[in-house]
N, C-alpha and C. Protein backbone atom coordinates (compact mmCIF):
# COMPACT_ATOMS: atom_id res chain seq x y z
N UNK A 1 13.05 6.42 -11.07
CA UNK A 1 13.47 7.49 -10.18
C UNK A 1 13.42 6.97 -8.74
N UNK A 2 14.53 7.10 -8.03
CA UNK A 2 14.60 6.66 -6.65
C UNK A 2 13.88 7.68 -5.76
N UNK A 3 12.93 7.18 -4.94
CA UNK A 3 12.16 8.03 -4.04
C UNK A 3 12.70 7.97 -2.61
N UNK A 4 13.13 6.78 -2.21
CA UNK A 4 13.72 6.54 -0.89
C UNK A 4 14.87 5.55 -1.12
N UNK A 5 15.61 5.22 -0.08
CA UNK A 5 16.71 4.28 -0.31
C UNK A 5 16.27 2.94 -0.93
N UNK A 6 15.04 2.50 -0.68
CA UNK A 6 14.63 1.18 -1.16
C UNK A 6 13.43 1.17 -2.09
N UNK A 7 12.88 2.31 -2.45
CA UNK A 7 11.69 2.33 -3.31
C UNK A 7 11.85 3.32 -4.45
N UNK A 8 11.40 2.88 -5.62
CA UNK A 8 11.45 3.72 -6.82
C UNK A 8 10.05 4.05 -7.30
N UNK A 9 9.96 5.12 -8.07
CA UNK A 9 8.69 5.49 -8.68
C UNK A 9 8.19 4.36 -9.57
N UNK A 10 9.09 3.78 -10.34
CA UNK A 10 8.71 2.71 -11.27
C UNK A 10 8.10 1.52 -10.54
N UNK A 11 8.63 1.20 -9.38
CA UNK A 11 8.11 0.09 -8.57
C UNK A 11 6.69 0.39 -8.09
N UNK A 12 6.43 1.64 -7.73
CA UNK A 12 5.12 2.00 -7.18
C UNK A 12 4.06 2.22 -8.25
N UNK A 13 4.47 2.34 -9.51
CA UNK A 13 3.48 2.49 -10.58
C UNK A 13 3.38 1.24 -11.46
N UNK A 14 4.23 0.25 -11.22
CA UNK A 14 4.18 -0.96 -12.03
C UNK A 14 2.94 -1.79 -11.72
N UNK A 15 2.33 -2.31 -12.76
CA UNK A 15 1.18 -3.21 -12.63
C UNK A 15 1.24 -4.24 -13.75
N UNK A 16 1.24 -5.51 -13.37
CA UNK A 16 1.20 -6.56 -14.39
C UNK A 16 -0.06 -6.44 -15.24
N UNK A 17 -1.18 -6.14 -14.59
CA UNK A 17 -2.45 -6.00 -15.32
C UNK A 17 -2.39 -4.84 -16.30
N UNK A 18 -1.87 -3.71 -15.86
CA UNK A 18 -1.76 -2.55 -16.75
C UNK A 18 -0.85 -2.87 -17.93
N UNK A 19 0.26 -3.53 -17.67
CA UNK A 19 1.19 -3.90 -18.75
C UNK A 19 0.50 -4.83 -19.74
N UNK A 20 -0.18 -5.83 -19.22
CA UNK A 20 -0.85 -6.82 -20.09
C UNK A 20 -1.92 -6.16 -20.95
N UNK A 21 -2.64 -5.18 -20.39
CA UNK A 21 -3.74 -4.53 -21.10
C UNK A 21 -3.34 -3.25 -21.83
N UNK A 22 -2.08 -2.88 -21.75
CA UNK A 22 -1.60 -1.68 -22.42
C UNK A 22 -2.12 -0.38 -21.81
N UNK A 23 -2.33 -0.38 -20.51
CA UNK A 23 -2.83 0.81 -19.80
C UNK A 23 -1.65 1.62 -19.29
N UNK A 24 -1.70 2.93 -19.54
CA UNK A 24 -0.67 3.83 -19.03
C UNK A 24 -0.95 4.09 -17.55
N UNK A 25 -0.12 3.54 -16.70
CA UNK A 25 -0.32 3.68 -15.25
C UNK A 25 0.75 4.59 -14.64
N UNK A 26 1.21 5.58 -15.39
CA UNK A 26 2.20 6.53 -14.88
C UNK A 26 1.54 7.48 -13.89
N UNK A 27 2.24 7.80 -12.83
CA UNK A 27 1.73 8.71 -11.81
C UNK A 27 1.71 10.13 -12.37
N UNK A 28 0.55 10.79 -12.32
CA UNK A 28 0.49 12.19 -12.77
C UNK A 28 1.30 13.10 -11.84
N UNK A 29 1.84 14.15 -12.41
CA UNK A 29 2.68 15.09 -11.64
C UNK A 29 1.97 15.59 -10.38
N UNK A 30 0.66 15.83 -10.47
CA UNK A 30 -0.07 16.40 -9.32
C UNK A 30 -0.19 15.41 -8.14
N UNK A 31 0.18 14.15 -8.35
CA UNK A 31 0.13 13.16 -7.26
C UNK A 31 1.51 12.81 -6.72
N UNK A 32 2.54 13.49 -7.19
CA UNK A 32 3.90 13.15 -6.76
C UNK A 32 4.12 13.38 -5.26
N UNK A 33 3.50 14.40 -4.67
CA UNK A 33 3.63 14.60 -3.22
C UNK A 33 3.07 13.40 -2.48
N UNK A 34 1.92 12.87 -2.95
CA UNK A 34 1.33 11.69 -2.31
C UNK A 34 2.22 10.46 -2.47
N UNK A 35 2.80 10.30 -3.66
CA UNK A 35 3.70 9.16 -3.89
C UNK A 35 4.90 9.22 -2.95
N UNK A 36 5.38 10.42 -2.67
CA UNK A 36 6.50 10.56 -1.72
C UNK A 36 6.05 10.16 -0.31
N UNK A 37 4.83 10.53 0.08
CA UNK A 37 4.29 10.11 1.38
C UNK A 37 4.24 8.58 1.44
N UNK A 38 3.75 7.96 0.38
CA UNK A 38 3.66 6.50 0.31
C UNK A 38 5.05 5.87 0.40
N UNK A 39 5.99 6.36 -0.40
CA UNK A 39 7.33 5.78 -0.41
C UNK A 39 8.00 5.91 0.96
N UNK A 40 7.85 7.04 1.59
CA UNK A 40 8.46 7.23 2.92
C UNK A 40 7.80 6.32 3.95
N UNK A 41 6.48 6.15 3.86
CA UNK A 41 5.78 5.25 4.76
C UNK A 41 6.22 3.81 4.56
N UNK A 42 6.36 3.40 3.30
CA UNK A 42 6.83 2.04 3.01
C UNK A 42 8.26 1.84 3.48
N UNK A 43 9.07 2.87 3.38
CA UNK A 43 10.45 2.79 3.87
C UNK A 43 10.44 2.56 5.38
N UNK A 44 9.55 3.25 6.09
CA UNK A 44 9.42 3.04 7.54
C UNK A 44 9.00 1.61 7.85
N UNK A 45 8.07 1.07 7.06
CA UNK A 45 7.61 -0.31 7.25
C UNK A 45 8.76 -1.28 7.01
N UNK A 46 9.51 -1.06 5.95
CA UNK A 46 10.65 -1.93 5.64
C UNK A 46 11.66 -1.92 6.78
N UNK A 47 11.93 -0.74 7.30
CA UNK A 47 12.88 -0.63 8.42
C UNK A 47 12.34 -1.35 9.65
N UNK A 48 11.07 -1.17 9.95
CA UNK A 48 10.45 -1.83 11.10
C UNK A 48 10.53 -3.35 10.98
N UNK A 49 10.18 -3.88 9.82
CA UNK A 49 10.15 -5.33 9.62
C UNK A 49 11.54 -5.91 9.39
N UNK A 50 12.47 -5.07 8.95
CA UNK A 50 13.83 -5.52 8.71
C UNK A 50 13.95 -6.46 7.52
N UNK A 51 13.07 -6.28 6.55
CA UNK A 51 13.06 -7.16 5.38
C UNK A 51 12.51 -6.43 4.17
N UNK A 52 12.94 -6.80 2.98
CA UNK A 52 12.36 -6.19 1.78
C UNK A 52 10.86 -6.46 1.67
N UNK A 53 10.17 -5.58 0.97
CA UNK A 53 8.74 -5.72 0.72
C UNK A 53 8.53 -5.97 -0.77
N UNK A 54 7.69 -6.94 -1.10
CA UNK A 54 7.30 -7.16 -2.48
C UNK A 54 6.01 -6.38 -2.72
N UNK A 55 6.09 -5.32 -3.51
CA UNK A 55 4.92 -4.48 -3.80
C UNK A 55 4.16 -5.09 -4.98
N UNK A 56 2.93 -5.51 -4.72
CA UNK A 56 2.13 -6.09 -5.80
C UNK A 56 1.22 -5.05 -6.44
N UNK A 57 0.93 -3.97 -5.72
CA UNK A 57 0.09 -2.90 -6.26
C UNK A 57 0.37 -1.62 -5.50
N UNK A 58 0.69 -0.57 -6.25
CA UNK A 58 0.88 0.75 -5.65
C UNK A 58 -0.14 1.68 -6.28
N UNK A 59 0.36 2.70 -6.96
CA UNK A 59 -0.53 3.64 -7.65
C UNK A 59 -1.36 2.89 -8.70
N UNK A 60 -2.63 3.29 -8.81
CA UNK A 60 -3.50 2.78 -9.86
C UNK A 60 -4.23 3.95 -10.52
N UNK A 61 -4.09 4.07 -11.83
CA UNK A 61 -4.92 5.05 -12.54
C UNK A 61 -6.37 4.58 -12.44
N UNK A 62 -7.31 5.46 -12.66
CA UNK A 62 -8.72 5.12 -12.48
C UNK A 62 -9.15 3.99 -13.41
N UNK A 63 -8.60 3.96 -14.63
CA UNK A 63 -8.96 2.88 -15.56
C UNK A 63 -8.53 1.52 -14.99
N UNK A 64 -7.30 1.44 -14.50
CA UNK A 64 -6.81 0.19 -13.91
C UNK A 64 -7.62 -0.15 -12.66
N UNK A 65 -7.87 0.84 -11.83
CA UNK A 65 -8.64 0.63 -10.60
C UNK A 65 -10.02 0.05 -10.91
N UNK A 66 -10.66 0.57 -11.95
CA UNK A 66 -11.98 0.06 -12.35
C UNK A 66 -11.90 -1.39 -12.83
N UNK A 67 -10.89 -1.69 -13.62
CA UNK A 67 -10.72 -3.06 -14.12
C UNK A 67 -10.52 -4.04 -12.96
N UNK A 68 -9.83 -3.59 -11.93
CA UNK A 68 -9.58 -4.43 -10.76
C UNK A 68 -10.78 -4.46 -9.80
N UNK A 69 -11.86 -3.77 -10.20
CA UNK A 69 -13.11 -3.73 -9.43
C UNK A 69 -12.91 -3.18 -8.01
N UNK A 70 -12.02 -2.21 -7.91
CA UNK A 70 -11.79 -1.54 -6.64
C UNK A 70 -12.66 -0.30 -6.56
N UNK A 71 -12.90 0.17 -5.36
CA UNK A 71 -13.74 1.36 -5.17
C UNK A 71 -13.07 2.58 -5.79
N UNK A 72 -13.86 3.47 -6.40
CA UNK A 72 -13.28 4.69 -6.98
C UNK A 72 -12.64 5.61 -5.94
N UNK A 73 -12.98 5.41 -4.68
CA UNK A 73 -12.41 6.21 -3.59
C UNK A 73 -11.13 5.59 -3.04
N UNK A 74 -10.66 4.51 -3.64
CA UNK A 74 -9.46 3.82 -3.16
C UNK A 74 -8.28 4.78 -3.04
N UNK A 75 -7.52 4.62 -1.97
CA UNK A 75 -6.31 5.44 -1.79
C UNK A 75 -5.26 5.12 -2.86
N UNK A 76 -5.38 3.97 -3.54
CA UNK A 76 -4.46 3.64 -4.63
C UNK A 76 -4.52 4.70 -5.73
N UNK A 77 -5.70 5.20 -6.05
CA UNK A 77 -5.83 6.17 -7.16
C UNK A 77 -5.29 7.55 -6.77
N UNK A 78 -5.09 7.76 -5.48
CA UNK A 78 -4.50 9.02 -5.00
C UNK A 78 -2.99 8.89 -4.82
N UNK A 79 -2.46 7.68 -5.04
CA UNK A 79 -1.03 7.45 -4.83
C UNK A 79 -0.65 7.33 -3.38
N UNK A 80 -1.61 6.94 -2.54
CA UNK A 80 -1.36 6.87 -1.09
C UNK A 80 -1.45 5.46 -0.53
N UNK A 81 -1.56 4.43 -1.38
CA UNK A 81 -1.71 3.07 -0.88
C UNK A 81 -0.87 2.09 -1.67
N UNK A 82 -0.52 1.01 -1.01
CA UNK A 82 0.19 -0.09 -1.66
C UNK A 82 -0.24 -1.40 -1.02
N UNK A 83 -0.19 -2.44 -1.81
CA UNK A 83 -0.38 -3.81 -1.32
C UNK A 83 0.99 -4.47 -1.38
N UNK A 84 1.36 -5.19 -0.34
CA UNK A 84 2.68 -5.81 -0.31
C UNK A 84 2.67 -7.11 0.48
N UNK A 85 3.72 -7.88 0.25
CA UNK A 85 4.04 -9.06 1.05
C UNK A 85 5.47 -8.87 1.55
N UNK A 86 5.69 -9.11 2.84
CA UNK A 86 7.06 -9.03 3.34
C UNK A 86 7.82 -10.29 2.96
N UNK A 87 9.11 -10.14 2.72
CA UNK A 87 9.93 -11.33 2.51
C UNK A 87 10.49 -11.73 3.87
N UNK A 88 11.29 -12.73 3.89
CA UNK A 88 11.91 -13.13 5.15
C UNK A 88 10.97 -13.90 6.05
N UNK A 89 11.13 -13.72 7.35
CA UNK A 89 10.41 -14.52 8.34
C UNK A 89 9.04 -13.99 8.71
N UNK A 90 8.64 -12.85 8.17
CA UNK A 90 7.35 -12.28 8.54
C UNK A 90 6.24 -12.88 7.69
N UNK A 91 5.21 -13.39 8.36
CA UNK A 91 4.00 -13.73 7.63
C UNK A 91 3.10 -12.49 7.64
N UNK A 92 2.00 -12.55 6.97
CA UNK A 92 1.13 -11.38 6.84
C UNK A 92 0.63 -10.91 8.20
N UNK A 93 0.17 -11.82 9.03
CA UNK A 93 -0.38 -11.42 10.32
C UNK A 93 0.68 -10.80 11.22
N UNK A 94 1.89 -11.36 11.24
CA UNK A 94 2.93 -10.79 12.10
C UNK A 94 3.37 -9.42 11.59
N UNK A 95 3.35 -9.23 10.28
CA UNK A 95 3.70 -7.91 9.72
C UNK A 95 2.66 -6.88 10.12
N UNK A 96 1.38 -7.24 9.99
CA UNK A 96 0.30 -6.31 10.37
C UNK A 96 0.40 -5.98 11.86
N UNK A 97 0.60 -7.01 12.69
CA UNK A 97 0.71 -6.77 14.14
C UNK A 97 1.86 -5.83 14.47
N UNK A 98 2.99 -6.01 13.82
CA UNK A 98 4.16 -5.15 14.08
C UNK A 98 3.86 -3.70 13.69
N UNK A 99 3.19 -3.52 12.55
CA UNK A 99 2.87 -2.16 12.09
C UNK A 99 1.85 -1.51 13.02
N UNK A 100 0.82 -2.27 13.40
CA UNK A 100 -0.21 -1.74 14.31
C UNK A 100 0.43 -1.31 15.63
N UNK A 101 1.38 -2.08 16.13
CA UNK A 101 2.04 -1.77 17.41
C UNK A 101 3.10 -0.68 17.30
N UNK A 102 3.43 -0.27 16.09
CA UNK A 102 4.49 0.72 15.89
C UNK A 102 3.93 2.14 15.93
N UNK A 103 4.85 3.09 15.78
CA UNK A 103 4.43 4.50 15.70
C UNK A 103 4.33 4.98 14.24
N UNK A 104 4.33 4.04 13.29
CA UNK A 104 4.18 4.41 11.88
C UNK A 104 2.79 5.02 11.69
N UNK A 105 2.71 6.22 11.12
CA UNK A 105 1.42 6.92 11.01
C UNK A 105 0.59 6.47 9.80
N UNK A 106 0.24 5.18 9.75
CA UNK A 106 -0.58 4.69 8.65
C UNK A 106 -2.01 5.21 8.80
N UNK A 107 -2.70 5.32 7.70
CA UNK A 107 -4.11 5.71 7.74
C UNK A 107 -4.97 4.45 7.90
N UNK A 108 -4.67 3.45 7.07
CA UNK A 108 -5.42 2.20 7.12
C UNK A 108 -4.48 1.04 6.81
N UNK A 109 -4.66 -0.04 7.53
CA UNK A 109 -3.92 -1.27 7.24
C UNK A 109 -4.93 -2.41 7.23
N UNK A 110 -4.77 -3.28 6.24
CA UNK A 110 -5.71 -4.40 6.10
C UNK A 110 -4.93 -5.69 5.83
N UNK A 111 -5.21 -6.70 6.62
CA UNK A 111 -4.74 -8.05 6.33
C UNK A 111 -5.78 -8.63 5.37
N UNK A 112 -5.41 -8.75 4.10
CA UNK A 112 -6.36 -9.22 3.08
C UNK A 112 -6.14 -10.71 2.81
N UNK A 113 -7.06 -11.50 3.30
CA UNK A 113 -7.10 -12.95 3.07
C UNK A 113 -5.81 -13.65 3.54
N UNK A 114 -5.07 -13.00 4.43
CA UNK A 114 -3.80 -13.51 4.91
C UNK A 114 -2.83 -13.78 3.75
N UNK A 115 -3.05 -13.04 2.63
CA UNK A 115 -2.21 -13.18 1.44
C UNK A 115 -1.36 -11.95 1.19
N UNK A 116 -1.85 -10.77 1.57
CA UNK A 116 -1.09 -9.55 1.40
C UNK A 116 -1.57 -8.50 2.39
N UNK A 117 -0.76 -7.47 2.55
CA UNK A 117 -1.06 -6.34 3.41
C UNK A 117 -1.39 -5.14 2.52
N UNK A 118 -2.52 -4.50 2.81
CA UNK A 118 -2.85 -3.22 2.17
C UNK A 118 -2.53 -2.16 3.22
N UNK A 119 -1.76 -1.15 2.82
CA UNK A 119 -1.47 -0.04 3.73
C UNK A 119 -1.67 1.26 2.99
N UNK A 120 -2.28 2.21 3.67
CA UNK A 120 -2.44 3.54 3.09
C UNK A 120 -2.01 4.58 4.11
N UNK A 121 -1.69 5.75 3.58
CA UNK A 121 -1.22 6.85 4.40
C UNK A 121 -2.09 8.07 4.13
N UNK A 122 -2.21 8.95 5.10
CA UNK A 122 -3.03 10.14 4.97
C UNK A 122 -2.31 11.20 4.12
N UNK A 123 -3.12 11.99 3.42
CA UNK A 123 -2.57 13.11 2.67
C UNK A 123 -1.93 14.10 3.62
N UNK A 124 -1.01 14.89 3.11
CA UNK A 124 -0.34 15.91 3.91
C UNK A 124 -1.38 16.81 4.58
N UNK A 125 -1.21 17.04 5.87
CA UNK A 125 -2.11 17.90 6.60
C UNK A 125 -3.31 17.18 7.21
N UNK A 126 -3.49 15.91 6.88
CA UNK A 126 -4.60 15.10 7.42
C UNK A 126 -4.08 14.21 8.54
N UNK A 127 -4.94 13.95 9.52
CA UNK A 127 -4.58 13.07 10.63
C UNK A 127 -4.86 11.62 10.23
N UNK A 128 -3.87 10.74 10.36
CA UNK A 128 -4.08 9.33 10.04
C UNK A 128 -5.14 8.70 10.96
N UNK A 129 -6.00 7.87 10.40
CA UNK A 129 -7.06 7.22 11.18
C UNK A 129 -6.53 6.06 12.02
N UNK A 130 -5.41 5.46 11.61
CA UNK A 130 -4.87 4.28 12.29
C UNK A 130 -5.95 3.18 12.37
N UNK A 131 -6.64 2.97 11.25
CA UNK A 131 -7.68 1.95 11.17
C UNK A 131 -7.05 0.62 10.74
N UNK A 132 -7.32 -0.44 11.49
CA UNK A 132 -6.77 -1.76 11.18
C UNK A 132 -7.92 -2.74 10.97
N UNK A 133 -7.90 -3.43 9.82
CA UNK A 133 -8.99 -4.32 9.43
C UNK A 133 -8.46 -5.67 8.96
N UNK A 134 -9.36 -6.63 8.89
CA UNK A 134 -9.11 -7.92 8.27
C UNK A 134 -10.20 -8.13 7.23
N UNK A 135 -9.80 -8.54 6.04
CA UNK A 135 -10.77 -8.97 5.03
C UNK A 135 -10.49 -10.44 4.76
N UNK A 136 -11.54 -11.25 4.92
CA UNK A 136 -11.41 -12.67 4.63
C UNK A 136 -12.73 -13.16 4.03
N UNK A 137 -12.89 -14.45 3.93
CA UNK A 137 -14.08 -15.02 3.29
C UNK A 137 -15.35 -14.75 4.08
N UNK A 138 -15.21 -14.28 5.32
CA UNK A 138 -16.38 -13.92 6.13
C UNK A 138 -16.76 -12.46 5.99
N UNK A 139 -15.95 -11.68 5.27
CA UNK A 139 -16.23 -10.25 5.10
C UNK A 139 -15.13 -9.41 5.71
N UNK A 140 -15.50 -8.21 6.17
CA UNK A 140 -14.56 -7.27 6.75
C UNK A 140 -14.83 -7.12 8.25
N UNK A 141 -13.76 -7.14 9.03
CA UNK A 141 -13.90 -6.95 10.49
C UNK A 141 -12.70 -6.16 10.99
N UNK A 142 -12.84 -5.66 12.22
CA UNK A 142 -11.74 -4.94 12.85
C UNK A 142 -10.62 -5.92 13.16
N UNK A 143 -9.39 -5.46 12.99
CA UNK A 143 -8.23 -6.29 13.31
C UNK A 143 -8.06 -6.36 14.81
N UNK A 144 -7.89 -7.56 15.32
CA UNK A 144 -7.57 -7.76 16.73
C UNK A 144 -6.43 -8.77 16.80
N UNK A 145 -5.57 -8.57 17.78
CA UNK A 145 -4.43 -9.48 17.93
C UNK A 145 -4.83 -10.68 18.73
């Protein structure tokens, strides 16, 4: 199901790990509003960067989230987060910098090991925190340009 011009529901619920382990990672109906927030936010990011995004992780059911050793409070389980890599000329750091400098209302953005970008969006009616972080082999720190 197409959610925005460039993102589908299937893309945001696909997981290689879930497929390999036979886990049903379909988005529950009660999270569809959140998935639309995520898809629209990702569409804004794609437009800003001017390049397609490779989504490596979007929605995660709690079983998948646990297997991936992610926190149970992860925005992924609410359908509000995705991990991606930009294609084209953007590296991870330049993508994060562009998003931080933009007016995109992200809740949290993380440069994870300079390998992928984690981005989450606030639920409807909530104010985005605009929190920017870096996770690397030294731990977690605030993102600075």
